[in-house]
């Protein structure tokens, strides 16, 4: 049991609360559906997606670079509809964190890498503003994990000490960086394991 009271949860979104917004699996599926060379799309994606996640270009500009740099037999709207449809919720995780928030009167903060249009869509589609008090999203703050400054900013905005926070993240490097800053972190490998990790900290819905 922790001696310091937990007041705040830092939560990753993609991979924890929802499926990833636009990951490798989604790009492979898009390449198959739209008849695109997956290696070329992934290469171009890698060269520009970070700029999109940092809010420095729009989704349209990202698509210009990664997909529509040449004539295609499908429309932008068709491709974007496919992108957005890849987002799905993890209902058990959403319900679990809603329960913890209510029971222990916790603040909940998103610390997430995501482009603006995907962020706005996912927030509205899955009601995330009803769960999360505010969003330290890369597209809003112009920096991305694993930049340590995004975690420092989240701490400053939440006005909490590291000892008051539990951060839930499913990317090992991001976990390592946060822990290096003294932020207690749970590596999310699945619902049951994360629930058990919270139980060990004395935070349970039982």
N, C-alpha and C. Protein backbone atom coordinates (compact mmCIF):
# COMPACT_ATOMS: atom_id res chain seq x y z
N UNK A 1 0.85 -1.21 0.00
CA UNK A 1 0.00 0.00 0.00
C UNK A 1 0.88 1.25 0.00
N UNK A 2 0.54 2.22 -0.86
CA UNK A 2 1.28 3.46 -0.91
C UNK A 2 0.94 4.33 0.30
N UNK A 3 1.94 5.03 0.82
CA UNK A 3 1.70 5.96 1.91
C UNK A 3 1.10 7.26 1.40
N UNK A 4 1.57 7.73 0.24
CA UNK A 4 1.06 8.97 -0.35
C UNK A 4 -0.27 8.69 -1.03
N UNK A 5 -1.25 9.49 -0.77
CA UNK A 5 -2.55 9.33 -1.38
C UNK A 5 -2.49 9.61 -2.87
N UNK A 6 -3.10 8.74 -3.65
CA UNK A 6 -3.22 8.97 -5.09
C UNK A 6 -4.37 9.94 -5.34
N UNK A 7 -4.10 11.00 -6.06
CA UNK A 7 -5.14 11.98 -6.38
C UNK A 7 -5.44 12.06 -7.87
N UNK A 8 -4.52 11.54 -8.69
CA UNK A 8 -4.60 11.80 -10.13
C UNK A 8 -4.15 10.59 -10.93
N UNK A 9 -4.89 10.29 -11.98
CA UNK A 9 -4.49 9.26 -12.94
C UNK A 9 -4.08 9.93 -14.24
N UNK A 10 -2.91 9.58 -14.75
CA UNK A 10 -2.51 9.93 -16.10
C UNK A 10 -2.80 8.70 -16.96
N UNK A 11 -3.60 8.87 -18.00
CA UNK A 11 -4.03 7.73 -18.81
C UNK A 11 -3.67 7.92 -20.28
N UNK A 12 -2.97 6.94 -20.83
CA UNK A 12 -2.84 6.88 -22.27
C UNK A 12 -4.22 6.55 -22.85
N UNK A 13 -4.46 6.95 -24.08
CA UNK A 13 -5.75 6.66 -24.71
C UNK A 13 -5.65 5.45 -25.63
N UNK A 14 -4.87 5.58 -26.71
CA UNK A 14 -4.74 4.48 -27.65
C UNK A 14 -4.01 3.29 -27.05
N UNK A 15 -4.67 2.16 -27.02
CA UNK A 15 -4.10 0.96 -26.42
C UNK A 15 -4.51 0.73 -24.99
N UNK A 16 -5.11 1.74 -24.35
CA UNK A 16 -5.56 1.61 -22.96
C UNK A 16 -7.07 1.81 -22.88
N UNK A 17 -7.55 2.97 -23.27
CA UNK A 17 -8.99 3.25 -23.23
C UNK A 17 -9.69 2.86 -24.54
N UNK A 18 -8.98 3.08 -25.63
CA UNK A 18 -9.49 2.78 -26.97
C UNK A 18 -8.42 2.01 -27.74
N UNK A 19 -8.82 1.45 -28.87
CA UNK A 19 -7.81 0.93 -29.78
C UNK A 19 -6.93 2.08 -30.26
N UNK A 20 -5.78 1.76 -30.81
CA UNK A 20 -4.93 2.80 -31.37
C UNK A 20 -5.65 3.49 -32.53
N UNK A 21 -5.34 4.77 -32.69
CA UNK A 21 -6.04 5.53 -33.70
C UNK A 21 -5.64 5.20 -35.12
N UNK A 22 -4.34 5.07 -35.37
CA UNK A 22 -3.87 4.84 -36.74
C UNK A 22 -2.51 4.15 -36.65
N UNK A 23 -2.55 2.86 -36.30
CA UNK A 23 -1.32 2.12 -36.06
C UNK A 23 -0.95 1.26 -37.26
N UNK A 24 0.10 0.46 -37.09
CA UNK A 24 0.59 -0.36 -38.19
C UNK A 24 -0.49 -1.30 -38.72
N UNK A 25 -1.23 -1.93 -37.82
CA UNK A 25 -2.29 -2.85 -38.25
C UNK A 25 -3.35 -2.16 -39.08
N UNK A 26 -3.70 -0.94 -38.69
CA UNK A 26 -4.70 -0.18 -39.45
C UNK A 26 -4.18 0.20 -40.82
N UNK A 27 -2.91 0.53 -40.90
CA UNK A 27 -2.34 0.90 -42.20
C UNK A 27 -2.24 -0.31 -43.12
N UNK A 28 -1.92 -1.47 -42.57
CA UNK A 28 -1.91 -2.68 -43.38
C UNK A 28 -3.31 -2.99 -43.90
N UNK A 29 -4.31 -2.84 -43.03
CA UNK A 29 -5.69 -3.07 -43.44
C UNK A 29 -6.12 -2.08 -44.52
N UNK A 30 -5.69 -0.82 -44.37
CA UNK A 30 -6.02 0.19 -45.38
C UNK A 30 -5.36 -0.13 -46.71
N UNK A 31 -4.11 -0.56 -46.64
CA UNK A 31 -3.39 -0.91 -47.88
C UNK A 31 -4.11 -2.04 -48.60
N UNK A 32 -4.59 -3.03 -47.86
CA UNK A 32 -5.31 -4.15 -48.47
C UNK A 32 -6.64 -3.69 -49.06
N UNK A 33 -7.36 -2.87 -48.32
CA UNK A 33 -8.68 -2.43 -48.78
C UNK A 33 -8.59 -1.54 -50.01
N UNK A 34 -7.63 -0.62 -50.02
CA UNK A 34 -7.56 0.37 -51.08
C UNK A 34 -6.50 0.06 -52.14
N UNK A 35 -5.85 -1.10 -52.02
CA UNK A 35 -4.89 -1.49 -53.04
C UNK A 35 -3.64 -0.64 -53.06
N UNK A 36 -3.12 -0.30 -51.89
CA UNK A 36 -1.93 0.54 -51.79
C UNK A 36 -0.69 -0.31 -51.46
N UNK A 37 0.48 0.07 -51.94
CA UNK A 37 1.71 -0.62 -51.52
C UNK A 37 2.01 -0.29 -50.05
N UNK A 38 1.92 -1.27 -49.19
CA UNK A 38 2.02 -1.01 -47.75
C UNK A 38 3.40 -0.48 -47.37
N UNK A 39 4.45 -0.97 -48.02
CA UNK A 39 5.79 -0.49 -47.67
C UNK A 39 5.93 0.99 -47.97
N UNK A 40 5.43 1.41 -49.11
CA UNK A 40 5.51 2.82 -49.49
C UNK A 40 4.69 3.69 -48.53
N UNK A 41 3.48 3.23 -48.20
CA UNK A 41 2.64 4.01 -47.30
C UNK A 41 3.27 4.11 -45.92
N UNK A 42 3.82 3.01 -45.44
CA UNK A 42 4.46 3.03 -44.12
C UNK A 42 5.69 3.92 -44.11
N UNK A 43 6.45 3.90 -45.19
CA UNK A 43 7.63 4.77 -45.26
C UNK A 43 7.23 6.24 -45.21
N UNK A 44 6.26 6.60 -46.02
CA UNK A 44 5.80 7.99 -46.04
C UNK A 44 5.13 8.37 -44.73
N UNK A 45 4.39 7.44 -44.15
CA UNK A 45 3.78 7.67 -42.84
C UNK A 45 4.86 8.00 -41.81
N UNK A 46 5.90 7.18 -41.77
CA UNK A 46 6.96 7.39 -40.79
C UNK A 46 7.67 8.72 -40.96
N UNK A 47 7.72 9.20 -42.18
CA UNK A 47 8.42 10.46 -42.44
C UNK A 47 7.62 11.68 -42.03
N UNK A 48 6.31 11.54 -41.84
CA UNK A 48 5.50 12.74 -41.59
C UNK A 48 4.51 12.65 -40.44
N UNK A 49 4.24 11.45 -39.93
CA UNK A 49 3.16 11.32 -38.94
C UNK A 49 3.48 12.03 -37.63
N UNK A 50 4.76 12.04 -37.25
CA UNK A 50 5.12 12.76 -36.03
C UNK A 50 4.75 14.23 -36.11
N UNK A 51 4.93 14.82 -37.29
CA UNK A 51 4.56 16.23 -37.48
C UNK A 51 3.05 16.42 -37.32
N UNK A 52 2.29 15.45 -37.81
CA UNK A 52 0.83 15.51 -37.63
C UNK A 52 0.45 15.36 -36.17
N UNK A 53 1.07 14.39 -35.47
CA UNK A 53 0.74 14.19 -34.07
C UNK A 53 1.08 15.42 -33.22
N UNK A 54 2.07 16.17 -33.61
CA UNK A 54 2.43 17.37 -32.87
C UNK A 54 1.57 18.57 -33.24
N UNK A 55 0.56 18.36 -34.07
CA UNK A 55 -0.37 19.43 -34.40
C UNK A 55 0.18 20.46 -35.35
N UNK A 56 1.23 20.12 -36.07
CA UNK A 56 1.89 21.10 -36.94
C UNK A 56 1.42 21.02 -38.39
N UNK A 57 0.72 19.94 -38.73
CA UNK A 57 0.04 19.85 -40.01
C UNK A 57 -1.35 19.26 -39.76
N UNK A 58 -2.24 19.44 -40.71
CA UNK A 58 -3.59 18.91 -40.60
C UNK A 58 -3.65 17.48 -41.11
N UNK A 59 -4.78 16.84 -40.87
CA UNK A 59 -4.98 15.50 -41.41
C UNK A 59 -4.92 15.52 -42.93
N UNK A 60 -5.49 16.57 -43.54
CA UNK A 60 -5.44 16.68 -45.00
C UNK A 60 -4.00 16.74 -45.50
N UNK A 61 -3.17 17.48 -44.80
CA UNK A 61 -1.77 17.58 -45.20
C UNK A 61 -1.04 16.26 -45.00
N UNK A 62 -1.35 15.57 -43.91
CA UNK A 62 -0.77 14.24 -43.71
C UNK A 62 -1.16 13.31 -44.85
N UNK A 63 -2.43 13.32 -45.24
CA UNK A 63 -2.89 12.44 -46.31
C UNK A 63 -2.28 12.84 -47.65
N UNK A 64 -2.06 14.14 -47.86
CA UNK A 64 -1.36 14.58 -49.07
C UNK A 64 -0.01 13.90 -49.19
N UNK A 65 0.68 13.79 -48.07
CA UNK A 65 2.05 13.27 -48.08
C UNK A 65 2.10 11.75 -48.08
N UNK A 66 1.19 11.13 -47.34
CA UNK A 66 1.27 9.68 -47.14
C UNK A 66 0.46 8.87 -48.15
N UNK A 67 -0.62 9.44 -48.69
CA UNK A 67 -1.52 8.67 -49.54
C UNK A 67 -1.81 9.38 -50.87
N UNK A 68 -2.23 10.62 -50.81
CA UNK A 68 -2.74 11.29 -52.01
C UNK A 68 -1.69 12.17 -52.69
N UNK A 69 -0.45 11.68 -52.72
CA UNK A 69 0.60 12.36 -53.45
C UNK A 69 0.53 12.00 -54.94
N UNK A 70 -0.39 11.10 -55.28
CA UNK A 70 -0.67 10.76 -56.67
C UNK A 70 -2.17 10.47 -56.80
N UNK A 71 -2.66 10.40 -58.00
CA UNK A 71 -4.08 10.13 -58.25
C UNK A 71 -4.45 8.76 -57.69
N UNK A 72 -5.62 8.70 -57.03
CA UNK A 72 -6.10 7.45 -56.46
C UNK A 72 -7.51 7.14 -56.97
N UNK A 73 -7.87 5.85 -57.04
CA UNK A 73 -9.21 5.48 -57.50
C UNK A 73 -10.25 5.49 -56.37
N UNK A 74 -9.95 6.20 -55.30
CA UNK A 74 -10.88 6.33 -54.18
C UNK A 74 -10.76 7.76 -53.66
N UNK A 75 -11.73 8.18 -52.89
CA UNK A 75 -11.77 9.58 -52.44
C UNK A 75 -11.14 9.73 -51.06
N UNK A 76 -10.82 10.95 -50.72
CA UNK A 76 -10.33 11.26 -49.37
C UNK A 76 -11.37 10.91 -48.32
N UNK A 77 -12.62 11.21 -48.62
CA UNK A 77 -13.67 10.93 -47.64
C UNK A 77 -13.78 9.43 -47.37
N UNK A 78 -13.62 8.60 -48.40
CA UNK A 78 -13.66 7.16 -48.21
C UNK A 78 -12.49 6.70 -47.34
N UNK A 79 -11.33 7.26 -47.60
CA UNK A 79 -10.16 6.86 -46.84
C UNK A 79 -10.27 7.34 -45.39
N UNK A 80 -10.71 8.57 -45.18
CA UNK A 80 -10.85 9.08 -43.82
C UNK A 80 -11.91 8.31 -43.04
N UNK A 81 -13.00 7.94 -43.71
CA UNK A 81 -14.04 7.15 -43.03
C UNK A 81 -13.46 5.83 -42.54
N UNK A 82 -12.59 5.23 -43.35
CA UNK A 82 -11.94 3.99 -42.93
C UNK A 82 -11.03 4.23 -41.73
N UNK A 83 -10.25 5.31 -41.78
CA UNK A 83 -9.37 5.65 -40.66
C UNK A 83 -10.16 5.79 -39.36
N UNK A 84 -11.23 6.57 -39.40
CA UNK A 84 -12.00 6.82 -38.19
C UNK A 84 -12.67 5.55 -37.67
N UNK A 85 -13.11 4.70 -38.61
CA UNK A 85 -13.82 3.48 -38.21
C UNK A 85 -12.92 2.49 -37.50
N UNK A 86 -11.60 2.65 -37.62
CA UNK A 86 -10.68 1.75 -36.94
C UNK A 86 -10.70 1.95 -35.42
N UNK A 87 -11.16 3.08 -34.97
CA UNK A 87 -11.21 3.38 -33.53
C UNK A 87 -12.38 2.66 -32.87
N UNK A 88 -12.07 1.88 -31.86
CA UNK A 88 -13.09 1.18 -31.09
C UNK A 88 -12.77 1.30 -29.60
N UNK A 89 -13.79 1.25 -28.74
CA UNK A 89 -13.54 1.38 -27.30
C UNK A 89 -13.14 0.07 -26.65
N UNK A 90 -12.50 0.18 -25.50
CA UNK A 90 -12.31 -0.95 -24.59
C UNK A 90 -13.28 -0.72 -23.42
N UNK A 91 -14.50 -1.24 -23.53
CA UNK A 91 -15.55 -0.91 -22.55
C UNK A 91 -15.16 -1.23 -21.11
N UNK A 92 -14.49 -2.36 -20.88
CA UNK A 92 -14.11 -2.73 -19.51
C UNK A 92 -13.15 -1.70 -18.91
N UNK A 93 -12.20 -1.24 -19.71
CA UNK A 93 -11.25 -0.26 -19.21
C UNK A 93 -11.94 1.07 -18.93
N UNK A 94 -12.80 1.50 -19.82
CA UNK A 94 -13.52 2.76 -19.62
C UNK A 94 -14.36 2.70 -18.34
N UNK A 95 -15.06 1.60 -18.15
CA UNK A 95 -15.91 1.46 -16.97
C UNK A 95 -15.07 1.39 -15.70
N UNK A 96 -13.95 0.70 -15.76
CA UNK A 96 -13.08 0.58 -14.60
C UNK A 96 -12.57 1.95 -14.16
N UNK A 97 -12.10 2.75 -15.09
CA UNK A 97 -11.57 4.05 -14.71
C UNK A 97 -12.68 5.02 -14.30
N UNK A 98 -13.85 4.88 -14.88
CA UNK A 98 -14.98 5.69 -14.40
C UNK A 98 -15.28 5.34 -12.94
N UNK A 99 -15.23 4.05 -12.64
CA UNK A 99 -15.50 3.62 -11.27
C UNK A 99 -14.45 4.11 -10.29
N UNK A 100 -13.17 4.00 -10.65
CA UNK A 100 -12.10 4.50 -9.77
C UNK A 100 -12.24 6.00 -9.56
N UNK A 101 -12.50 6.72 -10.65
CA UNK A 101 -12.62 8.18 -10.56
C UNK A 101 -13.71 8.58 -9.57
N UNK A 102 -14.84 7.92 -9.67
CA UNK A 102 -15.96 8.24 -8.79
C UNK A 102 -15.70 7.81 -7.35
N UNK A 103 -15.19 6.61 -7.16
CA UNK A 103 -15.03 6.06 -5.81
C UNK A 103 -13.96 6.81 -5.02
N UNK A 104 -12.87 7.16 -5.68
CA UNK A 104 -11.75 7.77 -4.96
C UNK A 104 -11.60 9.27 -5.26
N UNK A 105 -12.56 9.83 -5.98
CA UNK A 105 -12.57 11.25 -6.32
C UNK A 105 -11.25 11.67 -6.97
N UNK A 106 -10.88 10.92 -7.97
CA UNK A 106 -9.63 11.15 -8.67
C UNK A 106 -9.80 12.12 -9.82
N UNK A 107 -8.75 12.87 -10.10
CA UNK A 107 -8.67 13.59 -11.36
C UNK A 107 -8.07 12.65 -12.40
N UNK A 108 -8.53 12.74 -13.62
CA UNK A 108 -8.04 11.88 -14.69
C UNK A 108 -7.58 12.75 -15.85
N UNK A 109 -6.36 12.48 -16.30
CA UNK A 109 -5.72 13.31 -17.31
C UNK A 109 -5.24 12.43 -18.45
N UNK A 110 -5.59 12.78 -19.68
CA UNK A 110 -5.06 12.07 -20.84
C UNK A 110 -3.65 12.56 -21.12
N UNK A 111 -2.72 11.62 -21.28
CA UNK A 111 -1.38 11.95 -21.77
C UNK A 111 -1.18 11.08 -22.99
N UNK A 112 -1.36 11.67 -24.17
CA UNK A 112 -1.57 10.88 -25.37
C UNK A 112 -0.90 11.49 -26.59
N UNK A 113 -0.41 10.63 -27.47
CA UNK A 113 0.06 11.05 -28.79
C UNK A 113 -1.06 10.81 -29.80
N UNK A 114 -1.50 11.88 -30.45
CA UNK A 114 -2.58 11.74 -31.43
C UNK A 114 -2.70 13.02 -32.24
N UNK A 115 -3.05 12.88 -33.51
CA UNK A 115 -3.34 14.03 -34.35
C UNK A 115 -4.68 14.66 -33.99
N UNK A 116 -4.83 15.93 -34.34
CA UNK A 116 -6.00 16.70 -33.89
C UNK A 116 -7.33 16.12 -34.36
N UNK A 117 -7.46 15.85 -35.63
CA UNK A 117 -8.76 15.40 -36.13
C UNK A 117 -9.15 14.04 -35.55
N UNK A 118 -8.18 13.15 -35.41
CA UNK A 118 -8.46 11.87 -34.78
C UNK A 118 -8.80 12.03 -33.30
N UNK A 119 -8.09 12.93 -32.63
CA UNK A 119 -8.37 13.19 -31.22
C UNK A 119 -9.79 13.70 -31.03
N UNK A 120 -10.16 14.69 -31.80
CA UNK A 120 -11.50 15.29 -31.67
C UNK A 120 -12.57 14.24 -31.96
N UNK A 121 -12.39 13.47 -33.03
CA UNK A 121 -13.36 12.43 -33.37
C UNK A 121 -13.50 11.42 -32.24
N UNK A 122 -12.37 10.92 -31.75
CA UNK A 122 -12.40 9.88 -30.72
C UNK A 122 -12.98 10.40 -29.41
N UNK A 123 -12.62 11.62 -29.06
CA UNK A 123 -13.17 12.21 -27.83
C UNK A 123 -14.68 12.30 -27.90
N UNK A 124 -15.19 12.78 -29.03
CA UNK A 124 -16.64 12.95 -29.17
C UNK A 124 -17.35 11.61 -29.31
N UNK A 125 -16.80 10.73 -30.12
CA UNK A 125 -17.43 9.43 -30.40
C UNK A 125 -17.58 8.59 -29.14
N UNK A 126 -16.56 8.62 -28.28
CA UNK A 126 -16.56 7.72 -27.12
C UNK A 126 -16.74 8.44 -25.79
N UNK A 127 -17.13 9.71 -25.85
CA UNK A 127 -17.46 10.44 -24.63
C UNK A 127 -16.32 10.62 -23.66
N UNK A 128 -15.10 10.76 -24.17
CA UNK A 128 -13.95 10.84 -23.26
C UNK A 128 -13.93 12.08 -22.37
N UNK A 129 -14.45 13.22 -22.82
CA UNK A 129 -14.49 14.35 -21.89
C UNK A 129 -15.33 14.09 -20.64
N UNK A 130 -16.21 13.10 -20.69
CA UNK A 130 -16.95 12.73 -19.50
C UNK A 130 -16.14 11.92 -18.51
N UNK A 131 -15.05 11.36 -18.96
CA UNK A 131 -14.16 10.58 -18.10
C UNK A 131 -12.93 11.38 -17.70
N UNK A 132 -12.35 12.12 -18.65
CA UNK A 132 -11.08 12.79 -18.45
C UNK A 132 -11.28 14.26 -18.15
N UNK A 133 -10.59 14.75 -17.13
CA UNK A 133 -10.73 16.15 -16.76
C UNK A 133 -10.10 17.09 -17.76
N UNK A 134 -8.94 16.70 -18.31
CA UNK A 134 -8.35 17.49 -19.39
C UNK A 134 -7.37 16.62 -20.16
N UNK A 135 -6.92 17.17 -21.30
CA UNK A 135 -6.18 16.40 -22.28
C UNK A 135 -4.81 17.02 -22.53
N UNK A 136 -3.76 16.32 -22.16
CA UNK A 136 -2.41 16.69 -22.55
C UNK A 136 -2.09 15.83 -23.78
N UNK A 137 -2.69 16.21 -24.88
CA UNK A 137 -2.56 15.47 -26.13
C UNK A 137 -1.50 16.15 -26.99
N UNK A 138 -0.72 15.34 -27.69
CA UNK A 138 0.41 15.88 -28.45
C UNK A 138 -0.02 16.96 -29.43
N UNK A 139 -1.19 16.79 -30.04
CA UNK A 139 -1.64 17.76 -31.05
C UNK A 139 -2.01 19.10 -30.42
N UNK A 140 -2.32 19.12 -29.13
CA UNK A 140 -2.67 20.37 -28.43
C UNK A 140 -1.44 21.05 -27.84
N UNK A 141 -0.48 20.26 -27.37
CA UNK A 141 0.65 20.84 -26.63
C UNK A 141 1.93 20.89 -27.45
N UNK A 142 1.88 20.39 -28.69
CA UNK A 142 2.99 20.48 -29.65
C UNK A 142 4.26 19.76 -29.18
N UNK A 143 4.07 18.67 -28.47
CA UNK A 143 5.18 17.79 -28.11
C UNK A 143 4.61 16.39 -27.94
N UNK A 144 5.46 15.38 -28.10
CA UNK A 144 5.01 14.00 -28.11
C UNK A 144 5.79 13.16 -27.10
N UNK A 145 5.13 12.17 -26.57
CA UNK A 145 5.86 11.13 -25.85
C UNK A 145 6.83 10.47 -26.83
N UNK A 146 8.05 10.17 -26.44
CA UNK A 146 8.61 10.12 -25.09
C UNK A 146 9.32 11.39 -24.62
N UNK A 147 9.04 12.55 -25.20
CA UNK A 147 9.64 13.80 -24.72
C UNK A 147 9.29 13.97 -23.24
N UNK A 148 10.29 14.05 -22.37
CA UNK A 148 10.00 14.19 -20.93
C UNK A 148 9.16 15.43 -20.61
N UNK A 149 9.24 16.45 -21.45
CA UNK A 149 8.52 17.68 -21.16
C UNK A 149 7.01 17.51 -21.20
N UNK A 150 6.51 16.52 -21.93
CA UNK A 150 5.06 16.33 -21.95
C UNK A 150 4.56 15.84 -20.59
N UNK A 151 5.38 15.05 -19.91
CA UNK A 151 5.02 14.59 -18.57
C UNK A 151 5.17 15.72 -17.55
N UNK A 152 6.22 16.50 -17.71
CA UNK A 152 6.39 17.66 -16.82
C UNK A 152 5.23 18.63 -16.98
N UNK A 153 4.79 18.83 -18.21
CA UNK A 153 3.64 19.72 -18.45
C UNK A 153 2.38 19.16 -17.80
N UNK A 154 2.16 17.86 -17.93
CA UNK A 154 0.98 17.24 -17.31
C UNK A 154 1.00 17.43 -15.80
N UNK A 155 2.16 17.27 -15.19
CA UNK A 155 2.28 17.49 -13.74
C UNK A 155 1.99 18.94 -13.38
N UNK A 156 2.53 19.87 -14.18
CA UNK A 156 2.31 21.29 -13.91
C UNK A 156 0.84 21.66 -14.05
N UNK A 157 0.21 21.18 -15.11
CA UNK A 157 -1.20 21.52 -15.33
C UNK A 157 -2.11 20.91 -14.27
N UNK A 158 -1.77 19.70 -13.85
CA UNK A 158 -2.56 19.04 -12.81
C UNK A 158 -2.23 19.55 -11.42
N UNK A 159 -1.07 20.22 -11.29
CA UNK A 159 -0.60 20.73 -10.00
C UNK A 159 -0.55 19.61 -8.96
N UNK A 160 0.19 18.56 -9.34
CA UNK A 160 0.36 17.42 -8.43
C UNK A 160 1.84 17.05 -8.35
N UNK A 161 2.19 16.42 -7.25
CA UNK A 161 3.51 15.81 -7.11
C UNK A 161 3.51 14.47 -7.83
N UNK A 162 4.69 14.03 -8.23
CA UNK A 162 4.76 12.72 -8.88
C UNK A 162 4.21 11.62 -7.99
N UNK A 163 4.39 11.74 -6.70
CA UNK A 163 3.96 10.69 -5.77
C UNK A 163 2.44 10.57 -5.67
N UNK A 164 1.71 11.56 -6.18
CA UNK A 164 0.25 11.53 -6.15
C UNK A 164 -0.36 10.90 -7.40
N UNK A 165 0.49 10.54 -8.36
CA UNK A 165 0.03 10.12 -9.69
C UNK A 165 0.22 8.63 -9.89
N UNK A 166 -0.71 8.03 -10.64
CA UNK A 166 -0.50 6.73 -11.27
C UNK A 166 -0.71 6.94 -12.77
N UNK A 167 0.27 6.53 -13.53
CA UNK A 167 0.23 6.68 -14.99
C UNK A 167 0.08 5.30 -15.62
N UNK A 168 -0.92 5.14 -16.48
CA UNK A 168 -1.19 3.86 -17.14
C UNK A 168 -0.84 4.00 -18.62
N UNK A 169 0.07 3.16 -19.08
CA UNK A 169 0.64 3.29 -20.43
C UNK A 169 0.96 1.91 -20.98
N UNK A 170 0.77 1.72 -22.28
CA UNK A 170 1.02 0.40 -22.88
C UNK A 170 2.25 0.35 -23.77
N UNK A 171 3.07 1.40 -23.77
CA UNK A 171 4.31 1.42 -24.54
C UNK A 171 5.49 1.44 -23.57
N UNK A 172 6.34 0.43 -23.66
CA UNK A 172 7.39 0.25 -22.65
C UNK A 172 8.34 1.45 -22.56
N UNK A 173 8.74 2.00 -23.70
CA UNK A 173 9.65 3.15 -23.64
C UNK A 173 9.04 4.32 -22.91
N UNK A 174 7.75 4.56 -23.13
CA UNK A 174 7.09 5.68 -22.46
C UNK A 174 7.00 5.43 -20.96
N UNK A 175 6.77 4.18 -20.60
CA UNK A 175 6.78 3.80 -19.18
C UNK A 175 8.15 4.11 -18.57
N UNK A 176 9.20 3.72 -19.26
CA UNK A 176 10.55 3.93 -18.75
C UNK A 176 10.85 5.41 -18.56
N UNK A 177 10.45 6.24 -19.52
CA UNK A 177 10.72 7.68 -19.43
C UNK A 177 9.98 8.28 -18.25
N UNK A 178 8.70 7.93 -18.10
CA UNK A 178 7.91 8.46 -16.99
C UNK A 178 8.49 8.02 -15.64
N UNK A 179 8.88 6.77 -15.55
CA UNK A 179 9.47 6.29 -14.29
C UNK A 179 10.78 7.01 -14.00
N UNK A 180 11.52 7.33 -15.05
CA UNK A 180 12.76 8.07 -14.87
C UNK A 180 12.54 9.44 -14.28
N UNK A 181 11.34 9.99 -14.46
CA UNK A 181 10.97 11.28 -13.88
C UNK A 181 10.35 11.13 -12.50
N UNK A 182 10.25 9.88 -12.03
CA UNK A 182 9.68 9.63 -10.71
C UNK A 182 8.19 9.43 -10.70
N UNK A 183 7.58 9.26 -11.87
CA UNK A 183 6.13 9.07 -11.95
C UNK A 183 5.80 7.58 -11.81
N UNK A 184 5.05 7.18 -10.79
CA UNK A 184 4.67 5.77 -10.65
C UNK A 184 3.81 5.34 -11.84
N UNK A 185 4.18 4.24 -12.46
CA UNK A 185 3.58 3.86 -13.73
C UNK A 185 3.19 2.39 -13.74
N UNK A 186 2.03 2.12 -14.33
CA UNK A 186 1.57 0.76 -14.56
C UNK A 186 1.69 0.48 -16.06
N UNK A 187 2.47 -0.55 -16.40
CA UNK A 187 2.52 -0.98 -17.80
C UNK A 187 1.27 -1.78 -18.10
N UNK A 188 0.47 -1.27 -19.02
CA UNK A 188 -0.82 -1.90 -19.33
C UNK A 188 -0.63 -3.00 -20.36
N UNK A 189 -0.82 -4.25 -19.92
CA UNK A 189 -0.72 -5.40 -20.81
C UNK A 189 -2.07 -6.07 -21.01
N UNK A 190 -3.09 -5.57 -20.35
CA UNK A 190 -4.42 -6.15 -20.46
C UNK A 190 -5.27 -5.77 -19.26
N UNK A 191 -6.56 -5.93 -19.39
CA UNK A 191 -7.51 -5.49 -18.37
C UNK A 191 -7.23 -6.12 -17.01
N UNK A 192 -7.15 -7.44 -16.96
CA UNK A 192 -7.00 -8.13 -15.68
C UNK A 192 -5.71 -7.73 -14.97
N UNK A 193 -4.62 -7.64 -15.73
CA UNK A 193 -3.34 -7.29 -15.12
C UNK A 193 -3.36 -5.88 -14.56
N UNK A 194 -4.01 -4.97 -15.27
CA UNK A 194 -4.07 -3.58 -14.79
C UNK A 194 -4.96 -3.47 -13.56
N UNK A 195 -6.08 -4.15 -13.56
CA UNK A 195 -6.95 -4.16 -12.37
C UNK A 195 -6.18 -4.70 -11.17
N UNK A 196 -5.42 -5.76 -11.37
CA UNK A 196 -4.65 -6.35 -10.27
C UNK A 196 -3.57 -5.39 -9.79
N UNK A 197 -2.94 -4.67 -10.70
CA UNK A 197 -1.91 -3.68 -10.31
C UNK A 197 -2.53 -2.58 -9.45
N UNK A 198 -3.72 -2.14 -9.79
CA UNK A 198 -4.39 -1.15 -8.96
C UNK A 198 -4.80 -1.74 -7.62
N UNK A 199 -5.21 -2.98 -7.62
CA UNK A 199 -5.58 -3.64 -6.37
C UNK A 199 -4.39 -3.65 -5.40
N UNK A 200 -3.21 -3.93 -5.94
CA UNK A 200 -2.02 -3.97 -5.11
C UNK A 200 -1.68 -2.59 -4.53
N UNK A 201 -2.18 -1.55 -5.18
CA UNK A 201 -1.97 -0.18 -4.69
C UNK A 201 -3.11 0.25 -3.75
N UNK A 202 -4.06 -0.64 -3.52
CA UNK A 202 -5.17 -0.33 -2.64
C UNK A 202 -6.31 0.38 -3.32
N UNK A 203 -6.35 0.37 -4.64
CA UNK A 203 -7.41 1.02 -5.41
C UNK A 203 -8.20 -0.06 -6.12
N UNK A 204 -9.41 -0.29 -5.65
CA UNK A 204 -10.23 -1.38 -6.15
C UNK A 204 -11.69 -0.98 -6.17
N UNK A 205 -12.45 -1.65 -7.01
CA UNK A 205 -13.89 -1.42 -7.06
C UNK A 205 -14.64 -2.49 -6.31
N UNK A 206 -13.95 -3.44 -5.69
CA UNK A 206 -14.61 -4.51 -4.93
C UNK A 206 -15.31 -3.94 -3.70
